[in-house]
Protein backbone atom coordinates (compact mmCIF):
# COMPACT_ATOMS: atom_id res chain seq x y z
CA UNK A 1 109.77 172.79 23.11
CA UNK A 2 106.14 172.85 24.03
CA UNK A 3 103.49 172.62 21.35
CA UNK A 4 101.22 175.64 21.49
CA UNK A 5 97.67 174.49 21.99
CA UNK A 6 96.16 177.15 24.22
CA UNK A 7 98.00 175.98 27.30
CA UNK A 8 100.43 177.98 29.36
CA UNK A 9 104.02 178.08 28.15
CA UNK A 10 106.03 176.44 30.95
CA UNK A 11 107.86 179.18 32.84
CA UNK A 12 105.31 181.88 31.97
CA UNK A 13 101.98 182.78 33.50
CA UNK A 14 98.81 182.12 31.52
CA UNK A 15 98.51 185.87 30.89
CA UNK A 16 102.11 186.19 29.65
CA UNK A 17 101.69 183.06 27.52
CA UNK A 18 98.63 184.62 25.90
CA UNK A 19 100.53 187.84 25.15
CA UNK A 20 103.48 185.98 23.66
CA UNK A 21 101.37 183.71 21.46
CA UNK A 22 99.30 186.74 20.36
CA UNK A 23 102.33 188.38 18.70
CA UNK A 24 101.80 186.64 15.33
CA UNK A 25 98.17 187.84 15.38
CA UNK A 26 99.33 191.41 15.93
CA UNK A 27 101.56 191.11 12.85
CA UNK A 28 98.72 189.55 10.81
CA UNK A 29 96.42 192.40 11.84
CA UNK A 30 98.96 195.13 11.03
CA UNK A 31 99.64 193.47 7.66
CA UNK A 32 95.93 193.23 6.87
CA UNK A 33 95.70 197.00 7.34
CA UNK A 34 98.96 197.53 5.43
CA UNK A 35 99.96 199.59 8.46
CA UNK A 36 103.75 199.84 8.75
CA UNK A 37 103.50 201.82 12.00
CA UNK A 38 101.40 199.16 13.75
CA UNK A 39 103.68 196.46 12.31
CA UNK A 40 106.82 198.15 13.64
CA UNK A 41 105.31 198.72 17.11
CA UNK A 42 105.30 194.94 17.62
CA UNK A 43 109.12 195.24 17.75
CA UNK A 44 111.30 196.65 20.50
CA UNK A 45 112.99 199.94 19.66
CA UNK A 46 116.19 198.04 18.81
CA UNK A 47 114.53 194.88 17.46
CA UNK A 48 115.75 193.10 14.35
CA UNK A 49 113.85 191.60 11.44
CA UNK A 50 115.62 189.19 9.09
CA UNK A 51 113.92 188.02 5.90
CA UNK A 52 115.57 186.36 2.91
CA UNK A 53 117.82 189.10 1.51
CA UNK A 54 116.72 191.69 4.11
CA UNK A 55 117.96 192.79 7.53
CA UNK A 56 116.27 195.62 9.40
CA UNK A 57 117.88 196.94 12.58
CA UNK A 58 115.56 198.86 14.83
CA UNK A 59 111.90 199.77 14.77
CA UNK A 60 112.37 202.65 12.31
CA UNK A 61 114.08 200.42 9.72
CA UNK A 62 111.30 197.84 10.13
CA UNK A 63 108.68 200.58 9.64
CA UNK A 64 110.43 202.03 6.58
CA UNK A 65 110.89 198.61 4.96
CA UNK A 66 107.28 197.61 5.51
CA UNK A 67 105.97 200.98 4.22
CA UNK A 68 107.88 200.41 0.99
CA UNK A 69 106.86 196.73 0.82
CA UNK A 70 103.16 197.48 1.38
CA UNK A 71 103.31 200.04 -1.46
CA UNK A 72 105.19 197.61 -3.71
CA UNK A 73 105.68 193.85 -3.63
CA UNK A 74 103.30 193.22 -0.69
CA UNK A 75 100.53 195.48 -1.98
CA UNK A 76 97.20 193.66 -1.71
CA UNK A 77 98.68 190.67 0.10
CA UNK A 78 97.83 189.14 3.44
CA UNK A 79 99.99 187.11 5.77
CA UNK A 80 99.29 184.18 8.02
CA UNK A 81 101.30 182.64 10.81
CA UNK A 82 100.38 180.05 13.39
CA UNK A 83 102.51 179.22 16.43
CA UNK A 84 103.64 175.60 16.32
CA UNK A 85 105.95 175.65 19.33
CA UNK A 86 106.99 177.94 22.16
CA UNK A 87 109.27 177.93 25.14
CA UNK A 88 110.22 180.36 27.86
CA UNK A 89 113.78 181.65 28.17
CA UNK A 90 113.13 182.81 31.72
CA UNK A 91 110.28 184.93 33.01
CA UNK A 92 110.87 187.83 30.62
CA UNK A 93 111.72 186.17 27.31
CA UNK A 94 110.34 183.44 25.07
CA UNK A 95 110.86 181.88 21.66
CA UNK A 96 108.02 181.08 19.28
CA UNK A 97 108.24 179.10 16.07
CA UNK A 98 105.47 179.68 13.55
CA UNK A 99 104.49 178.37 10.16
CA UNK A 100 102.67 180.44 7.57
CA UNK A 101 103.46 182.77 4.71
CA UNK A 102 102.26 185.48 2.39
CA UNK A 103 98.88 185.11 0.70
CA UNK A 104 98.67 186.67 -2.75
CA UNK A 105 95.43 188.53 -3.57
CA UNK A 106 92.60 186.02 -3.84
CA UNK A 107 94.51 183.15 -2.23
CA UNK A 108 93.07 181.33 0.77
CA UNK A 109 96.01 178.95 1.25
CA UNK A 110 99.72 179.80 1.28
CA UNK A 111 101.43 178.42 -1.81
CA UNK A 112 104.36 176.07 -1.29
CA UNK A 113 106.62 178.70 -2.89
CA UNK A 114 105.69 181.31 -0.23
CA UNK A 115 105.39 179.01 2.80
CA UNK A 116 107.77 179.90 5.63
CA UNK A 117 108.84 178.95 9.12
CA UNK A 118 109.78 181.75 11.45
CA UNK A 119 111.51 182.25 14.79
CA UNK A 120 110.28 184.99 17.11
CA UNK A 121 112.22 186.12 20.18
CA UNK A 122 109.74 187.85 22.48
CA UNK A 123 110.72 189.97 25.47
CA UNK A 124 108.80 191.71 28.22
CA UNK A 125 109.23 195.50 27.96
CA UNK A 126 107.63 198.54 29.57
CA UNK A 127 105.32 198.52 26.52
CA UNK A 128 104.33 194.87 27.05
CA UNK A 129 105.55 191.80 25.16
CA UNK A 130 107.37 192.72 21.96
CA UNK A 131 109.71 191.19 19.42
CA UNK A 132 113.43 191.58 20.04
CA UNK A 133 114.16 189.51 16.93
CA UNK A 134 112.26 187.90 14.08
CA UNK A 135 113.67 185.71 11.31
CA UNK A 136 111.97 183.64 8.62
CA UNK A 137 113.08 181.30 5.90
CA UNK A 138 111.38 179.17 3.27
CA UNK A 139 109.57 176.17 4.73
CA UNK A 140 110.83 173.83 2.04
CA UNK A 141 114.39 173.28 0.83
CA UNK A 142 115.08 174.67 -2.61
């Protein structure tokens, strides 16, 4: 794996690398606006999102889950995620690994209890680079 430090992901152009590594920022932005529609548009139509205890299949399930979460347990929260590694899986797919987590209202640093690592499978689509699959798990062992 290549550490993400602003350089091109081997196997992708600089432009494609920028689009792939921008995906976490698109999620952070959608979360900041508590916008489930913008959040779900980061995913392909048939994309999957796996969180501890949750599996969403398809953009509509992602949107519906996030709408409920933003109105409930994620109300007032923010999220952060920084790419720590990336690699191309050919010219039209890539894998990112990020570290971050959910920030409770007033927090500036992710607590150890909410710190995660995540895997992002990005694919080139007619709509640009999107997530085909996303999965996160706690950063630290229980």
